[in-house]
Amino acid sequence: MLKLSILVVSTVLSFAAGWIADQLGCEFFGSFLWSGAGGVFGCWLGWWLHRRYLE
């Protein structure tokens, strides 16, 4: 369940960060970097949410 939580939250935040960067006018590489940052933050947030609410 922990891995699923991390996967879902990381995917959603990665997509959202990339989409927002696109809407703000970033080029491809900028959107790629923001998407990666969202994914990294999503890994931590998914882990934290699982530990806090699902254990």
Protein backbone atom coordinates (compact mmCIF):
# COMPACT_ATOMS: atom_id res chain seq x y z
CA MET A 1 0.00 0.00 0.00
CA LEU A 2 2.91 2.34 0.68
CA LYS A 3 4.27 1.94 -2.84
CA LEU A 4 0.84 2.55 -4.34
CA SER A 5 0.42 5.74 -2.31
CA ILE A 6 3.80 7.02 -3.43
CA LEU A 7 3.09 6.11 -7.07
CA VAL A 8 -0.30 7.81 -7.20
CA VAL A 9 0.70 11.02 -5.43
CA SER A 10 3.97 11.29 -7.34
CA THR A 11 2.22 10.80 -10.69
CA VAL A 12 -0.48 13.36 -9.94
CA LEU A 13 1.95 16.01 -8.71
CA SER A 14 4.36 15.40 -11.57
CA PHE A 15 1.60 15.82 -14.13
CA ALA A 16 0.18 18.88 -12.37
CA ALA A 17 3.56 20.61 -12.10
CA GLY A 18 4.33 19.96 -15.76
CA TRP A 19 0.91 21.21 -16.84
CA ILE A 20 1.16 24.37 -14.74
CA ALA A 21 4.64 25.08 -16.11
CA ASP A 22 3.24 24.71 -19.64
CA GLN A 23 0.42 27.11 -18.84
CA LEU A 24 2.89 29.65 -17.47
CA GLY A 25 4.82 29.58 -20.75
CA CYS A 26 7.82 27.44 -19.90
CA GLU A 27 9.56 25.72 -22.77
CA PHE A 28 9.88 21.94 -22.95
CA PHE A 29 12.97 21.69 -20.74
CA GLY A 30 11.52 24.00 -18.08
CA SER A 31 8.33 21.96 -17.96
CA PHE A 32 10.43 18.81 -17.73
CA LEU A 33 12.34 20.17 -14.74
CA TRP A 34 9.19 21.31 -12.95
CA SER A 35 7.57 17.94 -13.63
CA GLY A 36 10.59 16.19 -12.11
CA ALA A 37 10.48 18.43 -9.06
CA GLY A 38 6.79 17.64 -8.65
CA GLY A 39 7.57 13.94 -8.87
CA VAL A 40 10.27 14.14 -6.22
CA PHE A 41 8.02 16.14 -3.91
CA GLY A 42 5.22 13.66 -4.64
CA CYS A 43 7.38 10.77 -3.44
CA TRP A 44 7.90 12.46 -0.11
CA LEU A 45 4.26 13.58 0.17
CA GLY A 46 2.93 10.11 -0.70
CA TRP A 47 5.17 8.56 1.93
CA TRP A 48 4.14 11.16 4.53
CA LEU A 49 0.42 10.80 3.82
CA HIS A 50 0.64 7.03 4.05
CA ARG A 51 2.52 7.11 7.34
CA ARG A 52 0.18 9.70 8.82
CA TYR A 53 -3.23 8.44 7.70
CA LEU A 54 -3.04 4.83 6.50
CA GLU A 55 -0.95 3.10 9.15
